[in-house]
Protein backbone atom coordinates (compact mmCIF):
# COMPACT_ATOMS: atom_id res chain seq x y z
CA MET A 1 0.00 0.00 0.00
CA PRO A 2 1.51 3.36 -0.97
CA LYS A 3 2.17 6.04 1.65
CA LYS A 4 -0.17 8.99 1.95
CA SER A 5 0.86 12.09 0.13
CA LYS A 6 1.11 15.42 1.91
CA LYS A 7 -2.10 16.54 0.23
CA ALA A 8 -3.96 13.41 1.41
CA LYS A 9 -2.75 13.99 4.98
CA ILE A 10 -4.00 17.59 4.91
CA ILE A 11 -7.38 16.46 3.57
CA ALA A 12 -7.67 13.79 6.28
CA ALA A 13 -6.79 16.31 9.01
CA TYR A 14 -9.40 18.72 7.65
CA ARG A 15 -12.03 15.95 7.58
CA ARG A 16 -11.30 15.10 11.23
CA LYS A 17 -11.65 18.77 12.22
CA VAL A 18 -14.99 19.05 10.42
CA GLN A 19 -16.31 15.90 12.12
CA PHE A 20 -15.15 17.19 15.50
CA ILE A 21 -16.91 20.52 14.96
CA GLU A 22 -20.12 18.79 13.81
CA ASN A 23 -20.13 16.55 16.89
CA ASN A 24 -19.63 19.52 19.22
CA GLU A 25 -22.42 21.62 17.68
CA ILE A 26 -25.00 19.53 19.52
CA LYS A 27 -23.38 20.32 22.85
CA ILE A 28 -23.22 24.03 22.06
CA GLU A 29 -27.01 24.12 21.57
CA ASP A 30 -27.44 22.71 25.08
CA VAL A 31 -25.09 25.35 26.43
CA ASN A 32 -27.15 28.07 24.73
CA GLY A 33 -30.16 27.09 26.84
CA ILE A 34 -28.07 27.18 30.02
CA LEU A 35 -26.60 30.53 29.00
CA ASN A 36 -30.07 32.02 28.44
CA LYS A 37 -31.20 30.86 31.89
CA HIS A 38 -28.02 32.26 33.43
CA ASN A 39 -28.52 35.64 31.72
CA LYS A 40 -32.11 35.81 33.03
CA ILE A 41 -30.86 35.18 36.57
CA ILE A 42 -28.21 37.87 36.17
CA ASN A 43 -30.80 40.36 34.89
CA ILE A 44 -33.01 39.65 37.91
CA GLN A 45 -30.04 40.10 40.24
CA LYS A 46 -29.08 43.37 38.56
CA ASP A 47 -32.63 44.70 38.99
CA GLY A 48 -32.71 43.66 42.64
CA ASN A 49 -29.25 44.98 43.56
CA SER A 50 -29.13 48.34 41.84
CA GLY A 51 -26.85 49.80 44.55
CA SER A 52 -24.06 47.18 44.25
CA LYS A 53 -20.62 48.50 43.32
CA SER A 54 -19.37 45.56 41.21
CA PRO A 55 -21.49 44.63 38.18
CA ILE A 56 -22.21 40.96 37.52
CA LEU A 57 -20.86 39.94 34.12
CA PRO A 58 -22.61 37.16 32.18
CA LEU A 59 -20.57 34.04 31.41
CA ASN A 60 -20.01 33.13 27.81
CA GLN A 61 -20.35 29.63 26.37
CA GLU A 62 -16.65 28.86 26.63
CA ASP A 63 -16.58 29.72 30.34
CA LEU A 64 -19.56 27.46 30.99
CA LEU A 65 -17.91 24.56 29.18
CA ILE A 66 -14.61 25.12 31.00
CA THR A 67 -16.28 25.15 34.42
CA LYS A 68 -18.32 22.07 33.55
CA PHE A 69 -15.24 20.09 32.53
CA PHE A 70 -13.20 21.46 35.45
CA PHE A 71 -15.68 20.22 38.04
CA ALA A 72 -16.03 16.86 36.29
CA ASP A 73 -12.24 16.41 36.33
CA LEU A 74 -12.03 17.62 39.93
CA LYS A 75 -14.65 15.08 41.00
CA LYS A 76 -12.80 12.23 39.27
CA SER A 77 -9.50 13.31 40.82
CA LEU A 78 -10.97 13.48 44.34
CA ILE A 79 -12.52 10.03 43.98
CA LEU A 80 -9.19 8.62 42.79
CA ILE A 81 -7.25 10.30 45.60
CA CYS A 82 -9.70 9.05 48.25
CA GLY A 83 -9.43 5.53 46.84
CA ILE A 84 -5.64 5.61 46.93
CA LEU A 85 -5.62 6.94 50.51
CA ALA A 86 -8.09 4.25 51.63
CA LEU A 87 -5.88 1.59 50.04
CA GLU A 88 -2.81 3.03 51.81
CA PHE A 89 -4.54 2.97 55.20
CA PHE A 90 -5.79 -0.57 54.58
CA LEU A 91 -2.32 -1.82 53.65
CA TYR A 92 -0.77 0.00 56.62
CA PHE A 93 -3.11 -1.60 59.16
CA VAL A 94 -2.83 -5.05 57.56
CA THR A 95 0.97 -4.99 57.75
CA ILE A 96 0.97 -3.80 61.43
CA ASN A 97 -0.90 -6.90 62.62
CA GLN A 98 1.59 -9.33 61.07
């Protein structure tokens, strides 16, 4: 089988990028609904706190995605750390009794 040419590699990379963007468009629509709800809450807070010194800035879609993934990764990391610590304590107490 012949090797891919440079042009074929570029076309394949472009195709992967297009597929990635198409798959992520569905998630962006979900984020739009969350963003609209968040903006409504901010507008209500602005109306209620007209004397506050610092204005509340609405989050954009990228910030919402970043915070979503950050907390998901944080949760996984904490579960992993707790599991490792529990294993360490278990092994420590098992080896003391021997």
